[in-house]
Amino acid sequence: MTKAYLIGKEYRKYLDGIGINSEWVFKKAGIPLKVGQSGVYINRDQYIDFMNAIGEVSNIDTALKYCNFSEYYAFVPPIYAGLCARNGIQCFERISKYKQLIGPFVLKVEKTDKSLILTFTFDDKEKTSLPVFTQMTENILMVNLLRTGTGKAIKPIKIEATQQYTSSVSDYLGCQTSLSKVNRIHFSLEDVQEPFLSENNVMWQFLEPEFKKRIQEMEVDESLSAKVRTMLTELIPSGQGHIEIVAKEVAMSSRTLQRKLKEEGTTFIKQLNHTRELMAKNYLINGTISTEEVAYLLDYSDMYVFMRAFKQWTGQTVKEYRDKHALQVS
């Protein structure tokens, strides 16, 4: 079975917002401009074309903005899982394990006596070269994770890349680039052992089973419930998380959708509530989003209806959950 990666509708807006012409990128990569409510699924080759196209129209400023994950970390679970870790070593090990949820990437983590080495490739054992833009953003992202987690201005001790980075990128990273056939970044063992201020074991216990399930679902196109949850994640914030719309997206009637979900041991309402619960937890860890805004994003007309629903899902009030799980990202 072929893995499929979702390019959500909101991603186009995100690219445009940081100065990348999303329409040109989509056309260059052969991705339809008109997509379903949840976005469009693309295969591995299309994803690589997509990253190459982004690189063609990007510059240093857009690369730095692209890696400012404080704007989207709550919606990219592997990144948040890294921030929940005990330290940099555990952070990178988690991202290595679940990076495939983002795209066809491999992050190899090697520990030596004095350093931790991260090697970036696509998932075909270095047969396909990483675009320079991707090499650069992966390095910036890893540095940002360490700096955010520890609250310290950590710098890598060595960077290997197929092309030299500009002086502005080197200044940001705090390290010059060494030309190489591989794409690696080296950190001192002391730095990656620094404790993370953002450590959150309770949230990790919640996230890990969901990650494992999502990895399995990536290769199970027959899992209608997985497709429904993915669609609902995009549809709910726009007020369109209704069975009629989802049924239209999967080209079947509402009755047929219900019947097929029943065959998988679930219902549309269960999938809707499950998706809302996951989204609510991700929104609530972001201290900048009010409870009223969370209710609106989950398509509740009344904040108190959402608060009652959240208590039923989790056994906790919204305030109790925020106090226990809130993560501040600088």
Protein backbone atom coordinates (compact mmCIF):
# COMPACT_ATOMS: atom_id res chain seq x y z
CA MET A 1 0.00 0.00 0.00
CA THR A 2 1.18 3.53 -0.81
CA LYS A 3 1.59 6.16 1.86
CA ALA A 4 -0.37 9.34 1.35
CA TYR A 5 0.40 12.75 2.82
CA LEU A 6 -2.24 15.41 3.38
CA ILE A 7 -1.65 18.96 2.18
CA GLY A 8 -4.38 20.83 4.01
CA LYS A 9 -6.20 23.86 2.67
CA GLU A 10 -4.80 25.99 5.48
CA TYR A 11 -1.26 25.21 4.39
CA ARG A 12 -1.71 27.30 1.27
CA LYS A 13 -2.68 30.28 3.40
CA TYR A 14 0.31 29.64 5.62
CA LEU A 15 2.69 29.65 2.64
CA ASP A 16 1.18 32.86 1.25
CA GLY A 17 1.43 34.44 4.69
CA ILE A 18 5.20 33.95 4.85
CA GLY A 19 5.77 35.20 1.32
CA ILE A 20 5.72 31.97 -0.70
CA ASN A 21 3.47 31.98 -3.78
CA SER A 22 1.35 28.92 -3.03
CA GLU A 23 -0.47 28.97 -6.37
CA TRP A 24 2.81 28.74 -8.28
CA VAL A 25 4.10 26.03 -5.92
CA PHE A 26 0.97 23.91 -6.34
CA LYS A 27 1.05 24.25 -10.12
CA LYS A 28 4.78 23.48 -10.29
CA ALA A 29 4.30 20.33 -8.21
CA GLY A 30 1.27 19.24 -10.22
CA ILE A 31 -1.11 19.55 -7.26
CA PRO A 32 -4.70 20.63 -8.05
CA LEU A 33 -5.56 24.17 -6.98
CA LYS A 34 -9.17 23.20 -6.37
CA VAL A 35 -9.17 20.60 -3.63
CA GLY A 36 -11.68 19.12 -1.21
CA GLN A 37 -12.64 20.71 2.08
CA SER A 38 -9.94 18.76 3.92
CA GLY A 39 -7.20 19.43 1.35
CA VAL A 40 -5.53 17.01 -1.03
CA TYR A 41 -3.64 13.76 -0.55
CA ILE A 42 -0.39 13.40 -2.47
CA ASN A 43 2.05 10.54 -2.85
CA ARG A 44 5.74 10.48 -2.04
CA ASP A 45 6.98 11.70 -5.43
CA GLN A 46 4.48 14.55 -5.44
CA TYR A 47 5.58 15.54 -1.94
CA ILE A 48 9.22 15.76 -3.04
CA ASP A 49 8.21 17.85 -6.07
CA PHE A 50 6.25 20.03 -3.67
CA MET A 51 9.29 20.64 -1.44
CA ASN A 52 11.47 21.36 -4.48
CA ALA A 53 8.94 23.91 -5.72
CA ILE A 54 8.84 25.66 -2.35
CA GLY A 55 12.62 25.86 -2.41
CA GLU A 56 12.62 27.48 -5.86
CA VAL A 57 10.59 30.48 -4.71
CA SER A 58 12.02 30.84 -1.20
CA ASN A 59 14.75 33.03 0.24
CA ILE A 60 16.47 33.33 3.60
CA ASP A 61 13.71 35.40 5.18
CA THR A 62 11.00 32.95 4.18
CA ALA A 63 13.10 30.03 5.42
CA LEU A 64 13.36 31.61 8.86
CA LYS A 65 9.63 32.34 8.90
CA TYR A 66 8.88 28.81 7.71
CA CYS A 67 10.67 27.44 10.79
CA ASN A 68 8.93 29.70 13.28
CA PHE A 69 6.95 26.78 14.67
CA SER A 70 5.56 28.84 17.55
CA GLU A 71 2.80 29.75 15.08
CA TYR A 72 1.77 26.20 14.27
CA TYR A 73 3.38 23.78 16.75
CA ALA A 74 0.03 22.91 18.33
CA PHE A 75 -1.14 21.59 14.97
CA VAL A 76 2.02 19.60 14.15
CA PRO A 77 1.97 16.88 16.83
CA PRO A 78 5.51 15.49 16.24
CA ILE A 79 6.94 18.96 16.91
CA TYR A 80 4.90 19.34 20.08
CA ALA A 81 5.90 15.82 21.15
CA GLY A 82 9.52 16.90 20.85
CA LEU A 83 8.92 19.90 23.09
CA CYS A 84 7.24 17.65 25.67
CA ALA A 85 10.45 15.61 25.97
CA ARG A 86 12.86 15.48 28.90
CA ASN A 87 15.77 16.93 26.93
CA GLY A 88 17.19 17.32 23.43
CA ILE A 89 18.16 13.66 23.09
CA GLN A 90 14.65 12.44 23.83
CA CYS A 91 13.20 15.26 21.71
CA PHE A 92 15.10 14.23 18.59
CA GLU A 93 14.44 10.53 19.17
CA ARG A 94 10.71 11.20 19.25
CA ILE A 95 10.78 13.34 16.15
CA SER A 96 12.86 10.69 14.39
CA LYS A 97 10.22 8.07 15.17
CA TYR A 98 7.20 10.13 14.12
CA LYS A 99 8.58 12.43 11.43
CA GLN A 100 6.99 10.23 8.78
CA LEU A 101 3.64 11.69 9.86
CA ILE A 102 4.76 14.97 8.29
CA GLY A 103 6.32 13.72 5.05
CA PRO A 104 8.62 11.07 3.50
CA PHE A 105 11.53 12.04 5.73
CA VAL A 106 14.06 10.12 7.82
CA LEU A 107 15.90 11.65 10.75
CA LYS A 108 18.77 9.45 11.93
CA VAL A 109 19.98 10.11 15.48
CA GLU A 110 23.52 9.01 16.45
CA LYS A 111 25.06 9.48 19.87
CA THR A 112 28.85 9.61 20.39
CA ASP A 113 30.94 10.22 23.49
CA LYS A 114 30.85 13.98 23.01
CA SER A 115 28.08 14.79 20.55
CA LEU A 116 24.68 14.00 19.08
CA ILE A 117 24.53 13.83 15.28
CA LEU A 118 21.32 14.28 13.27
CA THR A 119 21.29 13.13 9.63
CA PHE A 120 18.45 14.18 7.32
CA THR A 121 17.35 12.22 4.23
CA PHE A 122 14.26 11.28 2.32
CA ASP A 123 13.04 7.74 2.97
CA ASP A 124 14.93 6.09 0.09
CA LYS A 125 18.36 5.87 1.73
CA GLU A 126 19.84 9.03 0.20
CA LYS A 127 18.92 8.15 -3.40
CA THR A 128 16.86 11.35 -3.62
CA SER A 129 18.72 14.52 -2.69
CA LEU A 130 17.16 16.88 -0.19
CA PRO A 131 16.52 20.33 -1.67
CA VAL A 132 18.83 22.97 -0.20
CA PHE A 133 15.79 24.76 1.24
CA THR A 134 14.77 21.58 3.06
CA GLN A 135 18.31 21.00 4.36
CA MET A 136 18.41 24.53 5.70
CA THR A 137 14.95 24.53 7.28
CA GLU A 138 15.54 21.16 8.95
CA ASN A 139 18.69 22.55 10.59
CA ILE A 140 16.93 25.74 11.66
CA LEU A 141 14.00 23.78 13.05
CA MET A 142 16.22 21.50 15.14
CA VAL A 143 18.09 24.49 16.56
CA ASN A 144 14.79 26.27 17.32
CA LEU A 145 13.51 23.19 19.14
CA LEU A 146 16.57 23.10 21.40
CA ARG A 147 16.50 26.81 22.07
CA THR A 148 12.79 26.80 22.85
CA GLY A 149 12.93 23.68 25.01
CA THR A 150 15.89 24.79 27.11
CA GLY A 151 15.39 28.54 27.04
CA LYS A 152 19.06 28.87 26.08
CA ALA A 153 20.79 30.17 22.94
CA ILE A 154 22.23 26.78 21.99
CA LYS A 155 24.41 26.58 18.88
CA PRO A 156 25.41 23.49 16.89
CA ILE A 157 29.09 22.57 16.87
CA LYS A 158 29.10 21.52 13.21
CA ILE A 159 26.79 21.61 10.17
CA GLU A 160 27.31 19.54 7.02
CA ALA A 161 25.37 20.37 3.86
CA THR A 162 25.67 19.97 0.11
CA GLN A 163 25.85 23.76 -0.34
CA GLN A 164 27.18 26.61 1.75
CA TYR A 165 24.55 28.55 3.67
CA THR A 166 24.50 32.33 3.46
CA SER A 167 26.14 34.38 6.17
CA SER A 168 22.75 35.41 7.59
CA VAL A 169 21.70 31.77 8.07
CA SER A 170 25.09 30.88 9.54
CA ASP A 171 24.81 33.83 11.91
CA TYR A 172 21.33 32.70 12.99
CA LEU A 173 22.49 29.13 13.58
CA GLY A 174 25.74 30.25 15.17
CA CYS A 175 27.81 27.89 13.04
CA GLN A 176 29.44 27.86 9.61
CA THR A 177 28.57 25.19 7.03
CA SER A 178 30.99 22.49 5.93
CA LEU A 179 30.48 21.18 2.40
CA SER A 180 29.58 17.50 2.39
CA LYS A 181 27.69 14.80 0.50
CA VAL A 182 25.44 14.31 3.53
CA ASN A 183 23.12 16.59 5.47
CA ARG A 184 24.00 16.57 9.16
CA ILE A 185 23.94 18.79 12.18
CA HIS A 186 26.07 18.11 15.29
CA PHE A 187 25.29 19.25 18.83
CA SER A 188 27.43 18.86 21.92
CA LEU A 189 26.22 16.10 24.22
CA GLU A 190 26.17 18.60 27.06
CA ASP A 191 23.72 20.86 25.21
CA VAL A 192 21.28 18.10 24.23
CA GLN A 193 21.28 16.84 27.82
CA GLU A 194 20.05 20.22 29.10
CA PRO A 195 16.60 19.73 30.69
CA PHE A 196 13.62 21.04 28.75
CA LEU A 197 11.51 23.64 30.52
CA SER A 198 8.62 22.44 28.34
CA GLU A 199 8.73 18.80 29.51
CA ASN A 200 5.20 17.37 29.78
CA ASN A 201 5.00 13.63 30.47
CA VAL A 202 1.24 13.61 30.93
CA MET A 203 0.64 15.03 27.47
CA TRP A 204 3.13 12.58 25.95
CA GLN A 205 1.19 9.67 27.44
CA PHE A 206 -1.83 11.00 25.57
CA LEU A 207 -0.02 11.69 22.30
CA GLU A 208 1.99 8.48 21.88
CA PRO A 209 -0.93 6.07 21.29
CA GLU A 210 -2.45 8.52 18.82
CA PHE A 211 0.83 8.75 16.89
CA LYS A 212 1.07 4.98 16.63
CA LYS A 213 -2.49 4.82 15.36
CA ARG A 214 -1.85 7.54 12.78
CA ILE A 215 1.24 5.77 11.43
CA GLN A 216 -0.83 2.63 10.91
CA GLU A 217 -3.58 4.64 9.25
CA MET A 218 -1.16 6.22 6.77
CA GLU A 219 -1.04 2.91 4.92
CA VAL A 220 -4.63 1.85 5.46
CA ASP A 221 -6.62 3.61 2.79
CA GLU A 222 -9.51 1.30 3.64
CA SER A 223 -9.83 2.94 7.07
CA LEU A 224 -12.77 5.21 6.43
CA SER A 225 -12.79 6.44 10.02
CA ALA A 226 -9.22 7.73 9.58
CA LYS A 227 -10.22 9.63 6.44
CA VAL A 228 -13.26 11.05 8.21
CA ARG A 229 -11.15 12.32 11.14
CA THR A 230 -8.64 13.90 8.77
CA MET A 231 -11.42 15.68 6.89
CA LEU A 232 -13.11 16.82 10.09
CA THR A 233 -9.88 18.41 11.30
CA GLU A 234 -10.10 20.76 8.31
CA LEU A 235 -13.88 21.10 8.16
CA ILE A 236 -14.73 21.79 11.81
CA PRO A 237 -13.02 25.22 12.12
CA SER A 238 -14.97 26.47 9.09
CA GLY A 239 -18.28 25.27 10.52
CA GLN A 240 -18.67 22.48 7.98
CA GLY A 241 -18.10 19.38 10.10
CA HIS A 242 -21.38 17.80 9.07
CA ILE A 243 -22.02 14.31 7.81
CA GLU A 244 -23.53 15.55 4.55
CA ILE A 245 -20.37 17.44 3.64
CA VAL A 246 -18.03 14.62 4.68
CA ALA A 247 -20.13 12.10 2.74
CA LYS A 248 -19.87 14.28 -0.36
CA GLU A 249 -16.09 14.46 0.07
CA VAL A 250 -15.80 10.65 0.05
CA ALA A 251 -18.30 10.34 -2.81
CA MET A 252 -21.05 8.46 -1.01
CA SER A 253 -24.41 9.14 0.59
CA SER A 254 -24.75 9.96 4.26
CA ARG A 255 -26.52 6.65 4.83
CA THR A 256 -23.72 4.69 3.13
CA LEU A 257 -21.10 6.57 5.15
CA GLN A 258 -22.88 5.69 8.39
CA ARG A 259 -23.17 2.05 7.36
CA LYS A 260 -19.48 1.75 6.46
CA LEU A 261 -18.42 3.43 9.71
CA LYS A 262 -20.64 0.99 11.61
CA GLU A 263 -18.77 -1.86 9.90
CA GLU A 264 -15.55 -0.41 11.40
CA GLY A 265 -17.15 -0.37 14.84
CA THR A 266 -17.77 3.35 15.06
CA THR A 267 -20.21 6.12 14.10
CA PHE A 268 -19.95 9.57 12.61
CA ILE A 269 -20.82 11.21 15.93
CA LYS A 270 -18.07 9.25 17.69
CA GLN A 271 -15.54 10.37 15.07
CA LEU A 272 -16.75 13.96 15.31
CA ASN A 273 -16.45 14.02 19.10
CA HIS A 274 -13.07 12.26 19.00
CA THR A 275 -11.73 14.81 16.52
CA ARG A 276 -13.12 17.71 18.51
CA GLU A 277 -11.50 16.37 21.67
CA LEU A 278 -8.07 16.06 20.01
CA MET A 279 -8.36 19.52 18.48
CA ALA A 280 -9.53 21.03 21.77
CA LYS A 281 -6.54 19.60 23.63
CA ASN A 282 -4.15 20.99 21.02
CA TYR A 283 -5.81 24.43 21.10
CA LEU A 284 -5.94 24.60 24.90
CA ILE A 285 -2.21 24.04 25.37
CA ASN A 286 -1.72 27.31 23.48
CA GLY A 287 -2.15 29.97 26.15
CA THR A 288 -2.86 32.66 23.54
CA ILE A 289 -6.19 31.13 22.48
CA SER A 290 -9.14 31.90 24.74
CA THR A 291 -11.76 29.30 25.69
CA GLU A 292 -14.34 31.26 23.71
CA GLU A 293 -12.10 31.13 20.63
CA VAL A 294 -11.55 27.38 21.08
CA ALA A 295 -15.31 26.85 21.22
CA TYR A 296 -15.69 28.88 18.01
CA LEU A 297 -12.93 26.92 16.23
CA LEU A 298 -14.66 23.66 17.20
CA ASP A 299 -17.96 24.97 15.77
CA TYR A 300 -19.78 25.40 19.08
CA SER A 301 -22.22 28.30 19.12
CA ASP A 302 -22.00 28.52 22.91
CA MET A 303 -18.79 28.42 24.96
CA TYR A 304 -20.55 26.73 27.87
CA VAL A 305 -21.81 23.89 25.68
CA PHE A 306 -18.19 23.26 24.67
CA MET A 307 -17.03 23.39 28.30
CA ARG A 308 -19.62 20.81 29.32
CA ALA A 309 -18.64 18.57 26.39
CA PHE A 310 -14.95 18.85 27.29
CA LYS A 311 -15.70 17.82 30.88
CA GLN A 312 -17.58 14.75 29.56
CA TRP A 313 -14.68 13.80 27.25
CA THR A 314 -11.83 14.22 29.71
CA GLY A 315 -13.26 14.31 33.23
CA GLN A 316 -11.55 17.70 33.64
CA THR A 317 -12.71 21.28 33.33
CA VAL A 318 -11.10 23.47 30.70
CA LYS A 319 -9.27 25.42 33.41
CA GLU A 320 -7.98 22.24 35.04
CA TYR A 321 -6.70 21.00 31.70
CA ARG A 322 -5.01 24.30 30.85
CA ASP A 323 -3.32 24.49 34.25
CA LYS A 324 -2.02 20.94 33.93
CA HIS A 325 -0.90 20.90 30.31
CA ALA A 326 -0.26 24.47 29.21
CA LEU A 327 3.00 24.92 27.30
CA GLN A 328 4.50 28.35 26.71
CA VAL A 329 6.56 28.62 23.55
CA SER A 330 8.72 31.72 23.22
